[in-house]
């Protein structure tokens, strides 16, 4: 796993936290929820290839 991926995930987390707090204090909780959901989908789209390669390595390790 690349270290830049970890930094990108951390940056998205910090940015989303700040934006969600701003949206909640302005009374737009539904937008805050949608922003959190969009950030989760974005981060999962970055991580899925690594999870797939992990499962492939485990499969070849146990020769299933």
Protein backbone atom coordinates (compact mmCIF):
# COMPACT_ATOMS: atom_id res chain seq x y z
CA UNK A 1 0.00 0.00 0.00
CA UNK A 2 1.30 3.39 -0.90
CA UNK A 3 1.86 5.98 1.79
CA UNK A 4 0.22 8.61 -0.42
CA UNK A 5 -3.05 6.66 -0.23
CA UNK A 6 -3.00 6.88 3.55
CA UNK A 7 -2.39 10.63 3.36
CA UNK A 8 -5.24 11.06 0.86
CA UNK A 9 -7.62 9.13 3.09
CA UNK A 10 -6.57 11.24 6.09
CA UNK A 11 -7.03 14.46 4.10
CA UNK A 12 -10.51 13.41 2.99
CA UNK A 13 -11.39 12.53 6.58
CA UNK A 14 -10.24 15.89 7.93
CA UNK A 15 -11.96 17.83 5.16
CA UNK A 16 -15.23 15.93 5.51
CA UNK A 17 -15.21 16.37 9.28
CA UNK A 18 -14.83 20.12 8.97
CA UNK A 19 -17.46 20.42 6.25
CA UNK A 20 -19.92 18.23 8.15
CA UNK A 21 -19.57 20.38 11.25
CA UNK A 22 -20.17 23.53 9.21
CA UNK A 23 -23.22 22.00 7.56
CA UNK A 24 -24.66 20.77 10.86
CA UNK A 25 -24.27 24.16 12.51
CA UNK A 26 -25.98 25.83 9.57
CA UNK A 27 -28.95 23.48 9.89
CA UNK A 28 -28.32 21.33 6.84
CA UNK A 29 -27.93 17.93 8.44
CA UNK A 30 -29.20 16.06 5.37
CA UNK A 31 -26.37 17.52 3.27
CA UNK A 32 -23.93 16.57 6.00
CA UNK A 33 -25.13 12.98 5.82
CA UNK A 34 -24.85 12.93 2.02
CA UNK A 35 -21.34 14.38 2.19
CA UNK A 36 -20.27 11.67 4.62
CA UNK A 37 -21.76 9.01 2.37
CA UNK A 38 -20.03 10.41 -0.72
CA UNK A 39 -16.68 10.50 1.10
CA UNK A 40 -17.13 6.91 2.21
CA UNK A 41 -17.85 5.79 -1.36
CA UNK A 42 -14.81 7.73 -2.61
CA UNK A 43 -12.45 6.16 -0.07
CA UNK A 44 -13.88 2.69 -0.67
CA UNK A 45 -13.29 3.10 -4.40
CA UNK A 46 -9.62 3.80 -3.60
CA UNK A 47 -9.30 0.80 -1.26
CA UNK A 48 -11.19 -1.89 -3.21
CA UNK A 49 -8.28 -2.71 -5.59
CA UNK A 50 -5.98 -3.31 -2.62
CA UNK A 51 -8.53 -5.58 -0.95
CA UNK A 52 -8.94 -7.49 -4.21
CA UNK A 53 -5.19 -8.03 -4.51
CA UNK A 54 -5.07 -9.15 -0.87
CA UNK A 55 -7.71 -11.80 -1.52
CA UNK A 56 -5.84 -12.93 -4.63
CA UNK A 57 -2.63 -13.32 -2.61
CA UNK A 58 -4.43 -15.31 0.08
CA UNK A 59 -6.00 -17.50 -2.58
CA UNK A 60 -2.66 -18.25 -4.20
CA UNK A 61 -1.09 -18.83 -0.80
CA UNK A 62 -3.58 -21.52 0.10
CA UNK A 63 -4.02 -22.68 -3.55
CA UNK A 64 -7.81 -22.62 -3.43
